[in-house]
Amino acid sequence: MAIKKSKDNSKEKNKGGRPRKEIDKKMFESLCGMFCTLDDIADFFDCSQDTIERWCKRTYDEGFADTYKRKSSAGRRSLRRWQFEAASKGNTSMLIFLGKNYLGQADTMRMEANVADGKLADLIDGLKEPFNDDVHSEATGVDALVADEPTEAP
């Protein structure tokens, strides 16, 4: 078994195994800020997703999901700032987007009917009459056809 010497010249036993993958903390945080997924980040550092997960636990004392949530907030802030800058320059689609998402605005049409006393029932009945006449005449025609057909006993 190999024996390593530490800086103070004492003998230290080699733990063996593969050396840990070097992950640059600033680059990791930048990738989170660009909303890269765990798979994207692992691919960037040429390691497994489990390696990223273990590195997050060692570095931040929390798993990837919690770390990602905190570190991607900088990206959300930047994105929001760029949206407001685009809107302030007159980008109408961005103004509409921000209005819907932050001000509760919506694309709805409101229709109002102004009908005086008892006229609403007359209006509804008037709309139903042509429909009822068509259904009745069709039913009468079908009944007439059925009545003309000879019935056969099985």
C-alpha atoms as a PDB file:
ATOM      1  CA  MET A   1       0.000   0.000   0.000  1.00  0.00           C
ATOM      2  CA  ALA A   2       1.313   3.428  -0.918  1.00  0.00           C
ATOM      3  CA  ILE A   3       2.203   5.831   1.838  1.00  0.00           C
ATOM      4  CA  LYS A   4       2.055   9.579   1.385  1.00  0.00           C
ATOM      5  CA  LYS A   5       3.957  12.162   3.289  1.00  0.00           C
ATOM      6  CA  SER A   6       1.997  15.199   4.388  1.00  0.00           C
ATOM      7  CA  LYS A   7       3.369  18.743   4.538  1.00  0.00           C
ATOM      8  CA  ASP A   8       4.570  18.312   8.100  1.00  0.00           C
ATOM      9  CA  ASN A   9       6.608  15.277   6.907  1.00  0.00           C
ATOM     10  CA  SER A  10       4.549  12.739   8.897  1.00  0.00           C
ATOM     11  CA  LYS A  11       3.459   9.585   7.178  1.00  0.00           C
ATOM     12  CA  GLU A  12      -0.186   9.462   6.023  1.00  0.00           C
ATOM     13  CA  LYS A  13      -1.958   6.406   4.668  1.00  0.00           C
ATOM     14  CA  ASN A  14      -3.228   6.691   1.068  1.00  0.00           C
ATOM     15  CA  LYS A  15      -7.017   6.545   1.033  1.00  0.00           C
ATOM     16  CA  GLY A  16      -6.967   5.103  -2.476  1.00  0.00           C
ATOM     17  CA  GLY A  17      -9.724   5.506  -5.041  1.00  0.00           C
ATOM     18  CA  ARG A  18     -10.106   7.982  -7.784  1.00  0.00           C
ATOM     19  CA  PRO A  19      -9.248  11.642  -7.138  1.00  0.00           C
ATOM     20  CA  ARG A  20     -12.220  13.959  -6.749  1.00  0.00           C
ATOM     21  CA  LYS A  21     -13.420  15.812  -9.810  1.00  0.00           C
ATOM     22  CA  GLU A  22     -12.544  19.502  -9.721  1.00  0.00           C
ATOM     23  CA  ILE A  23     -15.657  21.658 -10.084  1.00  0.00           C
ATOM     24  CA  ASP A  24     -15.204  25.390 -10.349  1.00  0.00           C
ATOM     25  CA  LYS A  25     -17.629  27.026  -7.910  1.00  0.00           C
ATOM     26  CA  LYS A  26     -17.998  30.276  -9.899  1.00  0.00           C
ATOM     27  CA  MET A  27     -18.665  28.392 -13.121  1.00  0.00           C
ATOM     28  CA  PHE A  28     -21.202  26.147 -11.354  1.00  0.00           C
ATOM     29  CA  GLU A  29     -23.050  29.213 -10.040  1.00  0.00           C
ATOM     30  CA  SER A  30     -22.963  30.833 -13.496  1.00  0.00           C
ATOM     31  CA  LEU A  31     -24.491  27.724 -15.048  1.00  0.00           C
ATOM     32  CA  CYS A  32     -27.245  27.752 -12.418  1.00  0.00           C
ATOM     33  CA  GLY A  33     -27.845  31.427 -13.229  1.00  0.00           C
ATOM     34  CA  MET A  34     -28.338  30.472 -16.887  1.00  0.00           C
ATOM     35  CA  PHE A  35     -30.975  27.885 -15.814  1.00  0.00           C
ATOM     36  CA  CYS A  36     -28.890  24.907 -16.920  1.00  0.00           C
ATOM     37  CA  THR A  37     -30.280  21.582 -15.746  1.00  0.00           C
ATOM     38  CA  LEU A  38     -28.431  19.081 -13.573  1.00  0.00           C
ATOM     39  CA  ASP A  39     -27.778  17.049 -16.710  1.00  0.00           C
ATOM     40  CA  ASP A  40     -26.352  20.118 -18.509  1.00  0.00           C
ATOM     41  CA  ILE A  41     -24.076  20.983 -15.582  1.00  0.00           C
ATOM     42  CA  ALA A  42     -22.824  17.401 -15.220  1.00  0.00           C
ATOM     43  CA  ASP A  43     -22.167  17.298 -18.956  1.00  0.00           C
ATOM     44  CA  PHE A  44     -20.274  20.610 -18.792  1.00  0.00           C
ATOM     45  CA  PHE A  45     -17.981  19.324 -16.029  1.00  0.00           C
ATOM     46  CA  ASP A  46     -17.722  15.891 -17.694  1.00  0.00           C
ATOM     47  CA  CYS A  47     -18.952  13.984 -14.656  1.00  0.00           C
ATOM     48  CA  SER A  48     -22.055  12.214 -13.420  1.00  0.00           C
ATOM     49  CA  GLN A  49     -25.115  13.828 -11.886  1.00  0.00           C
ATOM     50  CA  ASP A  50     -24.302  11.994  -8.645  1.00  0.00           C
ATOM     51  CA  THR A  51     -20.892  13.694  -8.585  1.00  0.00           C
ATOM     52  CA  ILE A  52     -22.570  17.108  -8.847  1.00  0.00           C
ATOM     53  CA  GLU A  53     -25.011  16.124  -6.100  1.00  0.00           C
ATOM     54  CA  ARG A  54     -22.186  15.005  -3.774  1.00  0.00           C
ATOM     55  CA  TRP A  55     -20.142  18.129  -4.576  1.00  0.00           C
ATOM     56  CA  CYS A  56     -23.113  20.340  -3.660  1.00  0.00           C
ATOM     57  CA  LYS A  57     -23.474  18.547  -0.319  1.00  0.00           C
ATOM     58  CA  ARG A  58     -19.754  19.028   0.417  1.00  0.00           C
ATOM     59  CA  THR A  59     -19.602  22.625  -0.809  1.00  0.00           C
ATOM     60  CA  TYR A  60     -22.962  24.084   0.221  1.00  0.00           C
ATOM     61  CA  ASP A  61     -24.135  21.588   2.884  1.00  0.00           C
ATOM     62  CA  GLU A  62     -27.308  20.957   0.865  1.00  0.00           C
ATOM     63  CA  GLY A  63     -28.382  18.956  -2.162  1.00  0.00           C
ATOM     64  CA  PHE A  64     -28.370  20.120  -5.761  1.00  0.00           C
ATOM     65  CA  ALA A  65     -32.072  21.078  -5.823  1.00  0.00           C
ATOM     66  CA  ASP A  66     -31.769  23.500  -2.896  1.00  0.00           C
ATOM     67  CA  THR A  67     -28.477  24.894  -4.161  1.00  0.00           C
ATOM     68  CA  TYR A  68     -29.896  25.338  -7.654  1.00  0.00           C
ATOM     69  CA  LYS A  69     -32.942  27.149  -6.307  1.00  0.00           C
ATOM     70  CA  ARG A  70     -30.741  29.681  -4.489  1.00  0.00           C
ATOM     71  CA  LYS A  71     -28.136  30.117  -7.218  1.00  0.00           C
ATOM     72  CA  SER A  72     -30.589  30.401 -10.130  1.00  0.00           C
ATOM     73  CA  SER A  73     -32.325  33.350  -8.455  1.00  0.00           C
ATOM     74  CA  ALA A  74     -29.566  35.628  -9.796  1.00  0.00           C
ATOM     75  CA  GLY A  75     -30.509  34.547 -13.308  1.00  0.00           C
ATOM     76  CA  ARG A  76     -34.182  35.282 -12.638  1.00  0.00           C
ATOM     77  CA  ARG A  77     -33.268  38.761 -11.370  1.00  0.00           C
ATOM     78  CA  SER A  78     -31.214  39.454 -14.499  1.00  0.00           C
ATOM     79  CA  LEU A  79     -33.953  38.183 -16.764  1.00  0.00           C
ATOM     80  CA  ARG A  80     -36.539  40.341 -15.002  1.00  0.00           C
ATOM     81  CA  ARG A  81     -34.250  43.388 -15.308  1.00  0.00           C
ATOM     82  CA  TRP A  82     -33.809  42.782 -19.060  1.00  0.00           C
ATOM     83  CA  GLN A  83     -37.575  42.421 -19.465  1.00  0.00           C
ATOM     84  CA  PHE A  84     -38.209  45.751 -17.776  1.00  0.00           C
ATOM     85  CA  GLU A  85     -35.496  47.385 -19.880  1.00  0.00           C
ATOM     86  CA  ALA A  86     -37.099  46.036 -23.072  1.00  0.00           C
ATOM     87  CA  ALA A  87     -40.512  47.231 -21.913  1.00  0.00           C
ATOM     88  CA  SER A  88     -39.169  50.682 -21.062  1.00  0.00           C
ATOM     89  CA  LYS A  89     -37.795  50.931 -24.611  1.00  0.00           C
ATOM     90  CA  GLY A  90     -41.312  50.410 -25.978  1.00  0.00           C
ATOM     91  CA  ASN A  91     -41.392  46.655 -26.623  1.00  0.00           C
ATOM     92  CA  THR A  92     -45.194  46.259 -26.610  1.00  0.00           C
ATOM     93  CA  SER A  93     -45.193  42.455 -26.319  1.00  0.00           C
ATOM     94  CA  MET A  94     -42.997  42.748 -23.217  1.00  0.00           C
ATOM     95  CA  LEU A  95     -45.315  45.406 -21.786  1.00  0.00           C
ATOM     96  CA  ILE A  96     -48.269  43.061 -22.299  1.00  0.00           C
ATOM     97  CA  PHE A  97     -46.381  40.132 -20.768  1.00  0.00           C
ATOM     98  CA  LEU A  98     -45.377  42.115 -17.681  1.00  0.00           C
ATOM     99  CA  GLY A  99     -48.870  43.555 -17.321  1.00  0.00           C
ATOM    100  CA  LYS A 100     -50.418  40.085 -17.346  1.00  0.00           C
ATOM    101  CA  ASN A 101     -47.868  38.546 -14.985  1.00  0.00           C
ATOM    102  CA  TYR A 102     -47.316  41.354 -12.500  1.00  0.00           C
ATOM    103  CA  LEU A 103     -50.441  43.500 -12.704  1.00  0.00           C
ATOM    104  CA  GLY A 104     -53.093  40.814 -13.148  1.00  0.00           C
ATOM    105  CA  GLN A 105     -54.185  42.133 -16.542  1.00  0.00           C
ATOM    106  CA  ALA A 106     -55.864  39.715 -18.937  1.00  0.00           C
ATOM    107  CA  ASP A 107     -57.149  39.469 -22.494  1.00  0.00           C
ATOM    108  CA  THR A 108     -60.855  39.133 -21.732  1.00  0.00           C
ATOM    109  CA  MET A 109     -63.835  40.627 -23.475  1.00  0.00           C
ATOM    110  CA  ARG A 110     -66.787  41.663 -21.409  1.00  0.00           C
ATOM    111  CA  MET A 111     -70.235  41.612 -22.951  1.00  0.00           C
ATOM    112  CA  GLU A 112     -73.174  43.374 -21.355  1.00  0.00           C
ATOM    113  CA  ALA A 113     -76.847  43.118 -22.184  1.00  0.00           C
ATOM    114  CA  ASN A 114     -79.161  45.958 -21.300  1.00  0.00           C
ATOM    115  CA  VAL A 115     -82.658  44.492 -21.294  1.00  0.00           C
ATOM    116  CA  ALA A 116     -85.607  46.257 -19.639  1.00  0.00           C
ATOM    117  CA  ASP A 117     -88.361  44.689 -17.469  1.00  0.00           C
ATOM    118  CA  GLY A 118     -89.561  41.316 -18.728  1.00  0.00           C
ATOM    119  CA  LYS A 119     -88.074  41.810 -22.182  1.00  0.00           C
ATOM    120  CA  LEU A 120     -85.330  39.257 -21.531  1.00  0.00           C
ATOM    121  CA  ALA A 121     -87.791  36.329 -21.459  1.00  0.00           C
ATOM    122  CA  ASP A 122     -89.379  37.531 -24.721  1.00  0.00           C
ATOM    123  CA  LEU A 123     -85.936  37.856 -26.298  1.00  0.00           C
ATOM    124  CA  ILE A 124     -84.938  34.326 -25.253  1.00  0.00           C
ATOM    125  CA  ASP A 125     -88.235  32.863 -26.471  1.00  0.00           C
ATOM    126  CA  GLY A 126     -87.812  34.678 -29.778  1.00  0.00           C
ATOM    127  CA  LEU A 127     -84.385  33.112 -30.201  1.00  0.00           C
ATOM    128  CA  LYS A 128     -85.687  29.621 -29.409  1.00  0.00           C
ATOM    129  CA  GLU A 129     -88.676  29.662 -31.810  1.00  0.00           C
ATOM    130  CA  PRO A 130     -86.839  29.118 -35.114  1.00  0.00           C
ATOM    131  CA  PHE A 131     -84.857  26.295 -33.546  1.00  0.00           C
ATOM    132  CA  ASN A 132     -87.951  24.590 -32.117  1.00  0.00           C
ATOM    133  CA  ASP A 133     -89.804  24.840 -35.456  1.00  0.00           C
ATOM    134  CA  ASP A 134     -86.889  23.189 -37.316  1.00  0.00           C
ATOM    135  CA  VAL A 135     -86.653  20.346 -34.812  1.00  0.00           C
ATOM    136  CA  HIS A 136     -90.401  19.811 -34.848  1.00  0.00           C
ATOM    137  CA  SER A 137     -90.628  19.752 -38.647  1.00  0.00           C
ATOM    138  CA  GLU A 138     -87.726  17.321 -38.901  1.00  0.00           C
ATOM    139  CA  ALA A 139     -89.272  15.046 -36.301  1.00  0.00           C
ATOM    140  CA  THR A 140     -92.612  15.146 -38.136  1.00  0.00           C
ATOM    141  CA  GLY A 141     -90.858  14.214 -41.377  1.00  0.00           C
ATOM    142  CA  VAL A 142     -89.118  11.249 -39.764  1.00  0.00           C
ATOM    143  CA  ASP A 143     -92.355  10.112 -38.122  1.00  0.00           C
ATOM    144  CA  ALA A 144     -94.081  10.287 -41.510  1.00  0.00           C
ATOM    145  CA  LEU A 145     -91.367   8.175 -43.142  1.00  0.00           C
ATOM    146  CA  VAL A 146     -91.533   5.568 -40.402  1.00  0.00           C
ATOM    147  CA  ALA A 147     -95.343   5.433 -40.647  1.00  0.00           C
ATOM    148  CA  ASP A 148     -95.185   4.783 -44.433  1.00  0.00           C
ATOM    149  CA  GLU A 149     -92.814   1.822 -44.106  1.00  0.00           C
ATOM    150  CA  PRO A 150     -94.445  -1.553 -43.895  1.00  0.00           C
ATOM    151  CA  THR A 151     -93.751  -3.415 -40.690  1.00  0.00           C
ATOM    152  CA  GLU A 152     -92.677  -7.002 -40.971  1.00  0.00           C
ATOM    153  CA  ALA A 153     -93.117  -9.534 -38.275  1.00  0.00           C
ATOM    154  CA  PRO A 154     -90.028 -11.552 -37.426  1.00  0.00           C
END
